[in-house]
Amino acid sequence: MNNNNTPKCTLYLAPSTIPNAGLGIFTSIALPSGTPLPGGFDAAIPISDMDFHNDGSHDAEDYHWMFSEYLWSSGSIGKVMEYEAEKTSGFSWGYGALPNCHFWMINVMESSCDFDTVGLTPENSPGAGAFTGHYNRLAHAYEDVKAGGELFVSYGTNWFTTRESYMGLVPGEDDFEAGEEFIETVSELFESLVDSTTVKDDVHYMGQVRVDIWNMIVNSPYKSRPLAALPKAYKTAARAMDVGIMQTEEELATHSVEYLEEHGKCLDHIHPQNSTIPHAGRGAFATRYLPKGTVVSSAPLIHIPDRDILTMYDDSEDGESRDLSKPIGQQLLLNYCWGHPKSSMLLCPYSHGTPFINHDRQDPNVKIQWMKNDDRYHNSSWLDEPVSFFDSEWTTKLMFEYVALRDIQEGEEVLVDYGKEWEEAWNEHVKAWNPDENYVSPHELNKDYDFPLKTHEEDASVYTDIFGYHTGTDKKSGEREIHRIRARRPDPNNKNDGFVYDLEVIGSGNYVKRVKDVSRSQMHFYHKPYKADIFREGSFRHEMMIPDEMFPNAWRNL
């Protein structure tokens, strides 16, 4: 039932206020510092060893990998991801991908991820390893944000310094401070000109002198980051001389709420929570009543012209390179991208909630469609270009809309048809799946300190795929790998930890240190590298399928 009191959208995708930055993300309501941001949490997809599996360097453009512009270090995602592979980055598709960076206006901070697979493991679910367990990456307002304000995160200075060849000199926080001081100096200069000139009553003449001087400054051939921090237009510079650069930048970084309602794309119609679909993990749910025809979400698309770059390979005999004769699976990212059986092209959406949308072939309540042509969001001429065209394109100019096929009630799960091929592949996977009755989840061990660990004497193989660290082992070197749990016995004086253990801890150089009377709360467990569920042989992988009637003929290259 429609509710006329349903609140309006509070989070929008719209053209960024930063010149040449493409799209940005905006709030239509004021957000006091510390306020959780709308749209719910982000998740993060681990992407591992891309250069190794492609025998090259994405920095050198040996293969087309536009995701390099959107990835976060595994350390910023969370410790679990750090241990999953030798070189892992995380793709966080909401606040981790949509906001731009303005070092003088950072107003959003994100937490690291938690890890949880909603109880689905290789022991009980064919869906284990088919979705990311890195979730609950929460964003909050770091500073007060006005209604209509653009949201900015910090990419880190290194992100820009490594891209100077095509981005130029992007000012950092220190550069804006230097620019602030320079503005004050120029303001004093202009005042002195007024006091000394014999034509000080000629307002027009003096105004033009100031404009000319300012243009000469900002167009100086001697480029620097502080210079790049200065307002380009004299009108803005004059405002900055009165109120400071910070104030003028804040004014420039704001759209009116009316502008957002007319030109923006709503991002908080859906939010994530545990799915109602068996084995699916998490899903997307309607935040409010959504009538038939509503654009439930809009998602920019990152293109991968050659889907084969997501193939993972075993090591060669020397251990230094890939063995092309031994493919071992696909990156988990494949499950979050759309494709077509007659094309090498993949399109991977990023937006709040859309990657959480699960499959229903019989009764989907949304469909995907191309956005209507709009140079700010979607360039429909790209649909007529061959796949080879995308090898030299490093921006997102295509966009899906997820459109309600019927009325969707508040709290209802949002579902889309992944296609016949996807459903057939999933059904075959379920038929072939067998539970791993010997599976031990390190993450479940970390939740339950009362669960008794088996010792090495009891079962030397039970923890072969996981390792742990003892927080008190070595304060200088930090974490140490636990190879053996030698004994356990109840501790009647410790009601919280139930058992204490004697450990053999292996450090660098196979140094062994024996530690006695260690409580469970001092131990934490992780999968060993390449032993997590997503790396298990037979984990389900299949792209979602773009309907044949909307797939461009120009892309059918297989």
Protein backbone atom coordinates (compact mmCIF):
# COMPACT_ATOMS: atom_id res chain seq x y z
CA MET A 1 0.00 0.00 0.00
CA ASN A 2 1.31 3.43 -0.89
CA ASN A 3 2.15 5.70 1.98
CA ASN A 4 2.03 9.39 1.16
CA ASN A 5 4.15 10.10 4.21
CA THR A 6 7.05 8.04 2.85
CA PRO A 7 10.20 10.18 3.24
CA LYS A 8 11.92 11.42 0.12
CA CYS A 9 15.29 10.20 -1.04
CA THR A 10 18.20 11.33 1.14
CA LEU A 11 21.15 10.14 -0.97
CA TYR A 12 21.75 11.04 -4.62
CA LEU A 13 24.14 10.35 -7.46
CA ALA A 14 24.67 13.58 -9.42
CA PRO A 15 27.36 15.43 -11.38
CA SER A 16 30.28 16.21 -9.09
CA THR A 17 31.06 19.78 -8.12
CA ILE A 18 34.75 19.04 -8.84
CA PRO A 19 35.50 19.94 -12.48
CA ASN A 20 36.14 16.90 -14.70
CA ALA A 21 35.50 14.48 -11.82
CA GLY A 22 32.42 12.89 -13.38
CA LEU A 23 29.73 11.88 -10.90
CA GLY A 24 29.60 12.41 -7.17
CA ILE A 25 27.40 11.47 -4.23
CA PHE A 26 25.25 14.00 -2.33
CA THR A 27 23.05 14.17 0.73
CA SER A 28 19.70 15.96 0.61
CA ILE A 29 19.57 16.28 4.41
CA ALA A 30 21.94 17.91 6.85
CA LEU A 31 24.32 15.40 8.46
CA PRO A 32 25.85 16.44 11.79
CA SER A 33 29.34 15.13 12.46
CA GLY A 34 29.22 11.50 13.61
CA THR A 35 25.90 10.73 11.90
CA PRO A 36 25.72 7.34 10.12
CA LEU A 37 25.25 7.89 6.40
CA PRO A 38 22.10 6.71 4.58
CA GLY A 39 22.02 3.56 2.50
CA GLY A 40 23.28 0.99 4.99
CA PHE A 41 26.62 -0.74 4.96
CA ASP A 42 29.05 -1.51 2.18
CA ALA A 43 30.53 -4.89 1.43
CA ALA A 44 33.90 -5.54 -0.22
CA ILE A 45 34.89 -8.09 -2.85
CA PRO A 46 38.45 -9.46 -2.49
CA ILE A 47 40.46 -9.43 -5.73
CA SER A 48 43.71 -11.38 -5.56
CA ASP A 49 47.02 -11.46 -7.46
CA MET A 50 45.72 -9.89 -10.68
CA ASP A 51 49.18 -9.16 -12.08
CA PHE A 52 50.34 -12.73 -11.40
CA HIS A 53 47.32 -14.32 -13.06
CA ASN A 54 47.69 -12.03 -16.09
CA ASP A 55 51.48 -12.26 -16.29
CA GLY A 56 51.88 -8.52 -16.47
CA SER A 57 51.31 -5.18 -14.80
CA HIS A 58 48.05 -3.30 -14.81
CA ASP A 59 50.03 -0.12 -14.04
CA ALA A 60 51.87 -0.62 -17.33
CA GLU A 61 48.52 -1.38 -19.01
CA ASP A 62 49.62 -4.88 -19.97
CA TYR A 63 45.96 -5.72 -19.56
CA HIS A 64 42.89 -3.51 -19.23
CA TRP A 65 41.96 -3.24 -15.56
CA MET A 66 39.87 -0.18 -14.83
CA PHE A 67 39.18 -1.47 -11.33
CA SER A 68 42.61 -0.20 -10.32
CA GLU A 69 40.96 3.22 -9.97
CA TYR A 70 38.42 1.87 -7.46
CA LEU A 71 40.27 -0.60 -5.24
CA TRP A 72 41.23 -0.20 -1.59
CA SER A 73 44.17 -1.82 0.11
CA SER A 74 43.33 -5.01 1.95
CA GLY A 75 44.54 -3.37 5.16
CA SER A 76 41.89 -0.66 4.90
CA ILE A 77 39.21 -3.32 4.34
CA GLY A 78 40.16 -5.51 7.30
CA LYS A 79 42.64 -8.00 8.66
CA VAL A 80 40.75 -11.04 7.35
CA MET A 81 41.26 -9.87 3.75
CA GLU A 82 44.96 -9.20 4.39
CA TYR A 83 45.56 -12.88 5.06
CA GLU A 84 43.50 -14.30 2.18
CA ALA A 85 46.20 -14.13 -0.52
CA GLU A 86 49.65 -12.74 -1.22
CA LYS A 87 48.36 -9.56 -2.89
CA THR A 88 44.72 -8.73 -2.30
CA SER A 89 42.73 -5.54 -2.79
CA GLY A 90 39.10 -4.86 -2.00
CA PHE A 91 36.35 -3.46 -4.21
CA SER A 92 33.85 -1.69 -1.97
CA TRP A 93 30.94 -0.71 -4.20
CA GLY A 94 29.06 2.04 -2.32
CA TYR A 95 30.81 4.71 -0.27
CA GLY A 96 34.02 2.93 -1.27
CA ALA A 97 33.51 3.71 -4.97
CA LEU A 98 31.02 6.56 -5.47
CA PRO A 99 32.48 9.56 -3.58
CA ASN A 100 35.23 11.78 -4.92
CA CYS A 101 38.19 13.08 -2.94
CA HIS A 102 38.71 16.74 -2.00
CA PHE A 103 41.46 17.04 0.61
CA TRP A 104 40.14 20.33 1.97
CA MET A 105 36.62 18.96 2.31
CA ILE A 106 36.92 15.38 3.62
CA ASN A 107 33.58 14.82 5.35
CA VAL A 108 33.08 11.03 5.28
CA MET A 109 34.96 8.25 7.07
CA GLU A 110 34.48 4.51 6.58
CA SER A 111 35.16 1.72 9.03
CA SER A 112 36.91 -1.51 8.14
CA CYS A 113 34.78 -4.54 7.30
CA ASP A 114 33.53 -7.22 9.60
CA PHE A 115 33.60 -10.76 8.28
CA ASP A 116 30.63 -13.11 8.40
CA THR A 117 29.05 -15.50 5.91
CA VAL A 118 25.65 -15.59 7.67
CA GLY A 119 26.33 -19.15 8.76
CA LEU A 120 26.86 -20.52 5.24
CA THR A 121 29.96 -22.74 5.06
CA PRO A 122 31.27 -25.57 2.84
CA GLU A 123 29.83 -27.88 5.47
CA ASN A 124 26.23 -26.78 4.97
CA SER A 125 25.74 -24.70 1.82
CA PRO A 126 26.50 -24.80 -1.92
CA GLY A 127 26.52 -21.01 -1.73
CA ALA A 128 29.69 -20.95 0.41
CA GLY A 129 32.45 -19.16 -1.45
CA ALA A 130 30.02 -17.65 -3.97
CA PHE A 131 29.57 -14.31 -2.22
CA THR A 132 31.78 -12.04 -0.16
CA GLY A 133 31.81 -12.33 3.62
CA HIS A 134 33.45 -8.92 4.00
CA TYR A 135 30.55 -6.70 5.02
CA ASN A 136 29.38 -3.98 7.41
CA ARG A 137 31.78 -1.33 6.16
CA LEU A 138 30.00 1.62 7.74
CA ALA A 139 30.28 5.26 6.77
CA HIS A 140 29.63 8.29 8.96
CA ALA A 141 29.88 12.05 8.61
CA TYR A 142 33.37 13.13 9.66
CA GLU A 143 32.37 16.81 9.58
CA ASP A 144 29.01 18.58 9.54
CA VAL A 145 27.55 18.34 6.04
CA LYS A 146 24.89 20.74 4.80
CA ALA A 147 21.83 19.59 2.89
CA GLY A 148 22.85 19.34 -0.76
CA GLY A 149 26.51 18.85 0.12
CA GLU A 150 28.76 16.55 -1.85
CA LEU A 151 30.31 13.73 0.17
CA PHE A 152 34.08 13.31 0.01
CA VAL A 153 36.41 10.57 1.24
CA SER A 154 40.19 10.51 1.39
CA TYR A 155 41.92 8.49 -1.31
CA GLY A 156 45.32 9.17 0.29
CA THR A 157 47.96 11.39 -1.32
CA ASN A 158 49.68 8.44 -2.98
CA TRP A 159 46.58 7.79 -5.10
CA PHE A 160 47.08 11.16 -6.79
CA THR A 161 50.88 11.30 -6.92
CA THR A 162 50.91 8.02 -8.86
CA ARG A 163 48.47 9.48 -11.39
CA GLU A 164 50.08 12.85 -12.06
CA SER A 165 50.73 11.99 -15.71
CA TYR A 166 47.04 12.31 -16.55
CA MET A 167 45.48 13.99 -13.51
CA GLY A 168 47.98 16.79 -13.07
CA LEU A 169 48.86 18.30 -9.69
CA VAL A 170 45.97 17.71 -7.29
CA PRO A 171 46.30 19.84 -4.13
CA GLY A 172 46.49 18.17 -0.73
CA GLU A 173 45.47 19.57 2.64
CA ASP A 174 48.80 21.34 3.18
CA ASP A 175 48.50 22.92 -0.26
CA PHE A 176 45.10 24.39 0.56
CA GLU A 177 46.56 25.84 3.75
CA ALA A 178 49.35 27.41 1.70
CA GLY A 179 46.74 28.72 -0.73
CA GLU A 180 44.81 30.24 2.19
CA GLU A 181 47.91 32.15 3.28
CA PHE A 182 48.57 33.29 -0.28
CA ILE A 183 44.98 34.57 -0.64
CA GLU A 184 45.50 36.73 2.46
CA THR A 185 48.72 38.14 1.00
CA VAL A 186 47.03 38.98 -2.31
CA SER A 187 44.12 40.58 -0.47
CA GLU A 188 46.57 42.87 1.35
CA LEU A 189 48.23 43.68 -1.97
CA PHE A 190 44.93 44.67 -3.53
CA GLU A 191 44.13 46.91 -0.57
CA SER A 192 47.50 48.62 -0.90
CA LEU A 193 46.82 49.25 -4.59
CA VAL A 194 43.59 51.03 -3.71
CA ASP A 195 45.37 53.18 -1.15
CA SER A 196 48.23 54.16 -3.45
CA THR A 197 46.63 54.61 -6.85
CA THR A 198 45.72 58.05 -8.17
CA VAL A 199 42.66 56.57 -9.82
CA LYS A 200 41.27 54.84 -6.78
CA ASP A 201 37.85 56.31 -7.41
CA ASP A 202 37.66 54.51 -10.75
CA VAL A 203 35.98 51.36 -9.43
CA HIS A 204 35.72 49.70 -12.82
CA TYR A 205 39.38 50.27 -13.60
CA MET A 206 40.54 48.95 -10.24
CA GLY A 207 38.29 45.94 -10.53
CA GLN A 208 39.76 45.07 -13.91
CA VAL A 209 43.30 45.45 -12.52
CA ARG A 210 42.52 42.93 -9.82
CA VAL A 211 41.02 40.50 -12.35
CA ASP A 212 44.08 40.81 -14.58
CA ILE A 213 46.50 40.27 -11.71
CA TRP A 214 44.56 37.24 -10.49
CA ASN A 215 44.40 35.70 -13.97
CA MET A 216 48.14 36.20 -14.32
CA ILE A 217 48.68 34.35 -11.01
CA VAL A 218 46.47 31.33 -11.64
CA ASN A 219 47.64 30.98 -15.27
CA SER A 220 51.30 31.01 -14.32
CA PRO A 221 53.35 28.50 -16.35
CA TYR A 222 55.08 27.45 -13.12
CA LYS A 223 52.63 24.86 -11.85
CA SER A 224 52.46 23.68 -8.24
CA ARG A 225 49.98 22.04 -5.92
CA PRO A 226 49.42 25.22 -3.85
CA LEU A 227 48.73 27.07 -7.10
CA ALA A 228 46.21 24.38 -8.03
CA ALA A 229 44.46 25.00 -4.69
CA LEU A 230 43.60 28.60 -5.63
CA PRO A 231 40.17 29.47 -7.06
CA LYS A 232 40.39 29.81 -10.83
CA ALA A 233 37.75 32.52 -11.22
CA TYR A 234 38.40 35.93 -9.74
CA LYS A 235 34.83 36.16 -8.46
CA THR A 236 35.42 33.08 -6.32
CA ALA A 237 38.86 34.38 -5.28
CA ALA A 238 37.32 37.67 -4.16
CA ARG A 239 34.83 35.71 -2.06
CA ALA A 240 37.70 33.69 -0.59
CA MET A 241 39.47 36.90 0.39
CA ASP A 242 36.44 37.73 2.52
CA VAL A 243 35.52 34.36 4.02
CA GLY A 244 38.45 32.02 3.29
CA ILE A 245 38.98 29.17 0.84
CA MET A 246 37.29 26.63 3.10
CA GLN A 247 34.01 28.53 3.03
CA THR A 248 34.10 29.10 -0.72
CA GLU A 249 34.96 25.45 -1.39
CA GLU A 250 32.03 24.37 0.78
CA GLU A 251 29.70 26.68 -1.14
CA LEU A 252 30.98 25.33 -4.47
CA ALA A 253 30.61 21.73 -3.27
CA THR A 254 26.84 22.01 -2.77
CA HIS A 255 23.89 21.47 -5.08
CA SER A 256 20.46 22.70 -4.13
CA VAL A 257 18.08 20.00 -2.93
CA GLU A 258 15.77 21.00 -5.80
CA TYR A 259 18.61 20.32 -8.26
CA LEU A 260 19.20 16.89 -6.75
CA GLU A 261 15.51 16.00 -6.89
CA GLU A 262 15.32 17.04 -10.54
CA HIS A 263 18.67 15.85 -11.89
CA GLY A 264 20.03 13.35 -9.36
CA LYS A 265 19.56 9.58 -9.16
CA CYS A 266 18.28 8.23 -5.84
CA LEU A 267 20.64 5.80 -4.11
CA ASP A 268 18.86 4.89 -0.88
CA HIS A 269 15.71 3.17 -2.15
CA ILE A 270 17.34 -0.11 -1.08
CA HIS A 271 19.50 -1.28 1.80
CA PRO A 272 21.24 -4.59 2.62
CA GLN A 273 20.33 -7.29 5.12
CA ASN A 274 20.33 -11.09 5.22
CA SER A 275 18.57 -12.51 2.17
CA THR A 276 15.38 -14.57 2.22
CA ILE A 277 16.79 -16.64 -0.68
CA PRO A 278 18.44 -19.89 0.48
CA HIS A 279 22.26 -19.94 0.09
CA ALA A 280 22.35 -16.35 -1.22
CA GLY A 281 23.98 -14.65 1.76
CA ARG A 282 22.86 -11.04 1.88
CA GLY A 283 20.25 -9.27 -0.20
CA ALA A 284 18.80 -5.85 -1.01
CA PHE A 285 15.52 -4.69 0.54
CA ALA A 286 13.21 -1.78 -0.18
CA THR A 287 13.77 1.15 2.17
CA ARG A 288 10.38 2.58 1.30
CA TYR A 289 7.32 1.81 -0.83
CA LEU A 290 8.38 1.79 -4.50
CA PRO A 291 5.54 2.02 -7.08
CA LYS A 292 5.73 0.15 -10.37
CA GLY A 293 8.05 1.96 -12.78
CA THR A 294 10.24 3.49 -10.05
CA VAL A 295 13.95 3.54 -10.84
CA VAL A 296 14.91 1.55 -7.76
CA SER A 297 18.61 2.16 -8.28
CA SER A 298 21.04 3.52 -10.86
CA ALA A 299 24.46 1.96 -11.19
CA PRO A 300 27.51 3.10 -13.19
CA LEU A 301 29.23 0.20 -14.93
CA ILE A 302 32.92 -0.64 -14.90
CA HIS A 303 33.76 -2.43 -18.13
CA ILE A 304 36.06 -5.44 -18.51
CA PRO A 305 36.57 -5.96 -22.28
CA ASP A 306 38.25 -9.34 -21.80
CA ARG A 307 36.58 -11.56 -19.22
CA ASP A 308 39.55 -13.95 -19.31
CA ILE A 309 41.55 -11.60 -17.08
CA LEU A 310 39.47 -12.91 -14.15
CA THR A 311 40.79 -16.47 -14.65
CA MET A 312 43.14 -17.66 -11.90
CA TYR A 313 45.99 -20.12 -12.48
CA ASP A 314 48.14 -22.43 -10.44
CA ASP A 315 51.87 -21.76 -10.02
CA SER A 316 54.35 -23.04 -12.57
CA GLU A 317 57.04 -25.45 -11.39
CA ASP A 318 59.43 -22.62 -10.54
CA GLY A 319 56.73 -20.94 -8.44
CA GLU A 320 57.48 -17.59 -10.07
CA SER A 321 54.83 -17.48 -12.79
CA ARG A 322 51.43 -18.85 -13.72
CA ASP A 323 50.88 -22.18 -15.45
CA LEU A 324 48.41 -21.56 -18.27
CA SER A 325 47.67 -25.27 -18.43
CA LYS A 326 46.33 -25.21 -14.88
CA PRO A 327 43.39 -22.80 -14.48
CA ILE A 328 42.07 -23.12 -10.94
CA GLY A 329 39.02 -20.89 -10.95
CA GLN A 330 37.71 -17.37 -11.42
CA GLN A 331 37.93 -14.24 -9.30
CA LEU A 332 34.89 -13.82 -7.04
CA LEU A 333 34.25 -10.53 -8.86
CA LEU A 334 32.77 -12.53 -11.76
CA ASN A 335 29.66 -13.28 -9.69
CA TYR A 336 28.99 -9.54 -9.36
CA CYS A 337 29.27 -8.68 -13.07
CA TRP A 338 26.90 -8.92 -16.03
CA GLY A 339 27.78 -10.49 -19.36
CA HIS A 340 26.48 -12.33 -22.41
CA PRO A 341 27.33 -15.79 -23.82
CA LYS A 342 28.35 -14.28 -27.17
CA SER A 343 30.71 -11.63 -25.81
CA SER A 344 33.97 -11.29 -23.92
CA MET A 345 32.63 -8.08 -22.32
CA LEU A 346 31.70 -7.88 -18.66
CA LEU A 347 29.97 -4.94 -16.99
CA CYS A 348 30.29 -4.62 -13.22
CA PRO A 349 27.86 -2.26 -11.44
CA TYR A 350 28.79 -0.18 -8.45
CA SER A 351 26.20 1.65 -6.41
CA HIS A 352 24.52 1.48 -3.04
CA GLY A 353 22.90 -1.89 -2.64
CA THR A 354 22.67 -3.02 -6.28
CA PRO A 355 25.34 -5.78 -6.00
CA PHE A 356 23.24 -7.23 -3.16
CA ILE A 357 20.23 -7.77 -5.46
CA ASN A 358 19.61 -11.51 -5.75
CA HIS A 359 18.07 -13.73 -8.43
CA ASP A 360 14.49 -14.80 -9.08
CA ARG A 361 13.62 -16.02 -12.55
CA GLN A 362 9.96 -16.81 -11.83
CA ASP A 363 8.90 -13.63 -10.03
CA PRO A 364 11.49 -10.83 -10.24
CA ASN A 365 10.28 -7.43 -9.09
CA VAL A 366 12.90 -5.35 -10.92
CA LYS A 367 14.55 -5.48 -14.33
CA ILE A 368 17.71 -3.88 -15.71
CA GLN A 369 17.61 -1.42 -18.58
CA TRP A 370 20.00 1.05 -20.15
CA MET A 371 19.65 4.58 -18.89
CA LYS A 372 18.40 7.04 -21.48
CA ASN A 373 21.19 8.96 -23.18
CA ASP A 374 22.56 11.66 -20.90
CA ASP A 375 26.15 12.88 -21.28
CA ARG A 376 26.43 13.29 -17.50
CA TYR A 377 25.56 9.65 -16.78
CA HIS A 378 25.28 7.42 -19.84
CA ASN A 379 26.69 7.69 -23.35
CA SER A 380 24.46 5.50 -25.51
CA SER A 381 26.84 5.85 -28.49
CA TRP A 382 29.15 3.43 -26.66
CA LEU A 383 26.57 0.70 -27.29
CA ASP A 384 27.47 0.89 -30.98
CA GLU A 385 31.23 0.62 -30.43
CA PRO A 386 33.12 -2.69 -30.78
CA VAL A 387 34.61 -4.36 -27.72
CA SER A 388 38.10 -3.28 -28.82
CA PHE A 389 37.01 0.35 -28.33
CA PHE A 390 36.83 -0.21 -24.57
CA ASP A 391 40.48 -1.24 -24.32
CA SER A 392 41.44 2.43 -24.41
CA GLU A 393 38.58 3.82 -22.31
CA TRP A 394 39.32 4.47 -18.62
CA THR A 395 36.11 6.17 -17.50
CA THR A 396 32.62 4.91 -16.75
CA LYS A 397 30.11 6.18 -19.30
CA LEU A 398 27.52 3.40 -19.18
CA MET A 399 24.79 2.92 -16.61
CA PHE A 400 22.08 0.43 -15.69
CA GLU A 401 18.77 1.35 -14.15
CA TYR A 402 16.98 -1.20 -11.96
CA VAL A 403 13.27 -0.54 -12.60
CA ALA A 404 10.35 -1.84 -10.51
CA LEU A 405 8.21 -4.31 -12.50
CA ARG A 406 5.39 -4.00 -9.96
CA ASP A 407 4.72 -2.21 -6.70
CA ILE A 408 7.36 -3.14 -4.13
CA GLN A 409 6.44 -2.85 -0.47
CA GLU A 410 8.71 -1.37 2.18
CA GLY A 411 10.90 -4.15 3.59
CA GLU A 412 10.39 -6.47 0.60
CA GLU A 413 13.46 -8.10 -0.91
CA VAL A 414 14.38 -6.72 -4.33
CA LEU A 415 15.02 -9.46 -6.93
CA VAL A 416 16.13 -9.48 -10.56
CA ASP A 417 16.36 -12.23 -13.19
CA TYR A 418 20.02 -13.25 -13.66
CA GLY A 419 19.06 -15.16 -16.81
CA LYS A 420 18.46 -18.73 -17.97
CA GLU A 421 22.16 -19.57 -18.28
CA TRP A 422 22.90 -18.45 -14.74
CA GLU A 423 20.01 -20.45 -13.28
CA GLU A 424 20.98 -23.61 -15.16
CA ALA A 425 24.59 -23.27 -13.97
CA TRP A 426 23.45 -22.79 -10.37
CA ASN A 427 21.15 -25.80 -10.48
CA GLU A 428 23.96 -27.97 -11.85
CA HIS A 429 26.27 -26.68 -9.12
CA VAL A 430 23.75 -27.57 -6.42
CA LYS A 431 23.32 -31.09 -7.81
CA ALA A 432 27.08 -31.69 -7.86
CA TRP A 433 27.79 -30.13 -4.46
CA ASN A 434 28.84 -32.29 -1.53
CA PRO A 435 29.19 -31.03 2.05
CA ASP A 436 32.65 -30.94 3.60
CA GLU A 437 32.03 -32.59 6.95
CA ASN A 438 35.60 -31.90 8.10
CA TYR A 439 35.40 -28.15 7.49
CA VAL A 440 36.49 -25.90 10.34
CA SER A 441 35.59 -22.22 10.13
CA PRO A 442 38.15 -19.94 11.75
CA HIS A 443 35.53 -17.22 11.95
CA GLU A 444 33.19 -19.43 13.94
CA LEU A 445 36.09 -20.30 16.27
CA ASN A 446 36.61 -16.59 16.83
CA LYS A 447 32.98 -16.11 17.85
CA ASP A 448 32.78 -18.84 20.47
CA TYR A 449 35.46 -18.84 23.17
CA ASP A 450 33.65 -21.67 24.97
CA PHE A 451 34.14 -24.01 22.01
CA PRO A 452 36.97 -26.43 22.99
CA LEU A 453 39.81 -26.59 20.48
CA LYS A 454 41.20 -29.97 19.57
CA THR A 455 44.85 -30.46 20.46
CA HIS A 456 47.55 -31.73 18.13
CA GLU A 457 47.46 -35.09 19.89
CA GLU A 458 43.71 -35.40 19.34
CA ASP A 459 43.75 -34.52 15.64
CA ALA A 460 46.87 -33.23 13.91
CA SER A 461 45.00 -32.37 10.69
CA VAL A 462 41.91 -30.57 11.93
CA TYR A 463 43.37 -27.06 11.65
CA THR A 464 45.50 -27.56 8.54
CA ASP A 465 43.72 -24.80 6.57
CA ILE A 466 43.75 -22.18 9.30
CA PHE A 467 46.30 -20.45 11.48
CA GLY A 468 46.08 -18.39 14.59
CA TYR A 469 48.03 -15.89 16.53
CA HIS A 470 48.59 -15.45 20.21
CA THR A 471 48.34 -11.80 21.18
CA GLY A 472 50.88 -12.08 23.96
CA THR A 473 53.60 -14.03 22.16
CA ASP A 474 56.09 -11.38 21.08
CA LYS A 475 55.43 -7.71 21.59
CA LYS A 476 58.31 -6.70 19.30
CA SER A 477 57.47 -8.76 16.24
CA GLY A 478 53.72 -8.75 16.77
CA GLU A 479 51.69 -11.73 15.66
CA ARG A 480 53.14 -15.25 15.61
CA GLU A 481 51.72 -18.29 13.89
CA ILE A 482 50.35 -21.01 16.14
CA HIS A 483 51.28 -24.40 14.68
CA ARG A 484 50.32 -26.69 17.53
CA ILE A 485 47.95 -26.60 20.45
CA ARG A 486 49.63 -29.09 22.74
CA ALA A 487 47.17 -29.44 25.57
CA ARG A 488 44.02 -28.07 27.04
CA ARG A 489 42.51 -28.28 30.45
CA PRO A 490 39.57 -26.59 32.19
CA ASP A 491 40.27 -23.51 34.23
CA PRO A 492 37.76 -23.40 37.11
CA ASN A 493 38.70 -19.80 37.88
CA ASN A 494 37.96 -18.48 34.40
CA LYS A 495 34.24 -18.41 33.66
CA ASN A 496 34.64 -16.48 30.40
CA ASP A 497 37.27 -18.62 28.74
CA GLY A 498 36.35 -22.12 29.91
CA PHE A 499 39.67 -23.66 28.81
CA VAL A 500 43.32 -22.67 28.83
CA TYR A 501 45.93 -24.08 26.48
CA ASP A 502 49.64 -24.76 26.19
CA LEU A 503 50.94 -23.63 22.79
CA GLU A 504 53.89 -24.22 20.55
CA VAL A 505 54.36 -21.02 18.59
CA ILE A 506 56.51 -21.02 15.48
CA GLY A 507 58.23 -17.74 14.64
CA SER A 508 60.64 -16.68 11.89
CA GLY A 509 63.42 -19.18 11.20
CA ASN A 510 61.23 -21.94 12.66
CA TYR A 511 61.97 -20.61 16.11
CA VAL A 512 59.72 -22.44 18.57
CA LYS A 513 58.47 -20.85 21.73
CA ARG A 514 56.35 -22.73 24.20
CA VAL A 515 53.69 -20.70 25.95
CA LYS A 516 51.66 -22.08 28.83
CA ASP A 517 48.23 -21.25 30.18
CA VAL A 518 46.91 -19.26 27.22
CA SER A 519 43.21 -18.41 27.31
CA ARG A 520 40.98 -18.63 24.23
CA SER A 521 40.43 -14.88 24.19
CA GLN A 522 44.16 -14.47 23.46
CA MET A 523 43.90 -16.51 20.26
CA HIS A 524 42.49 -15.44 16.93
CA PHE A 525 42.17 -17.59 13.83
CA TYR A 526 42.24 -17.01 10.07
CA HIS A 527 42.28 -19.11 6.95
CA LYS A 528 45.75 -19.71 5.62
CA PRO A 529 46.41 -17.94 2.31
CA TYR A 530 44.36 -19.41 -0.55
CA LYS A 531 42.38 -21.63 1.84
CA ALA A 532 39.35 -19.36 2.31
CA ASP A 533 35.97 -20.49 0.99
CA ILE A 534 36.29 -18.30 -2.14
CA PHE A 535 39.39 -20.28 -3.22
CA ARG A 536 37.92 -23.74 -2.73
CA GLU A 537 37.72 -25.91 -5.82
CA GLY A 538 34.19 -25.93 -7.18
CA SER A 539 33.02 -22.68 -5.58
CA PHE A 540 30.20 -21.37 -7.76
CA ARG A 541 31.18 -18.83 -10.41
CA HIS A 542 28.96 -17.36 -13.11
CA GLU A 543 28.26 -13.87 -14.36
CA MET A 544 24.71 -12.53 -14.43
CA MET A 545 23.30 -12.43 -17.95
CA ILE A 546 22.21 -9.28 -19.78
CA PRO A 547 18.95 -10.01 -21.65
CA ASP A 548 19.61 -10.77 -25.31
CA GLU A 549 17.17 -8.13 -26.53
CA MET A 550 19.13 -5.32 -24.83
CA PHE A 551 22.65 -6.60 -25.51
CA PRO A 552 24.42 -4.57 -28.24
CA ASN A 553 25.14 -6.38 -31.50
CA ALA A 554 28.48 -4.56 -31.73
CA TRP A 555 29.72 -6.40 -28.64
CA ARG A 556 29.00 -9.94 -29.91
CA ASN A 557 32.59 -10.98 -30.57
CA LEU A 558 32.46 -14.68 -29.64
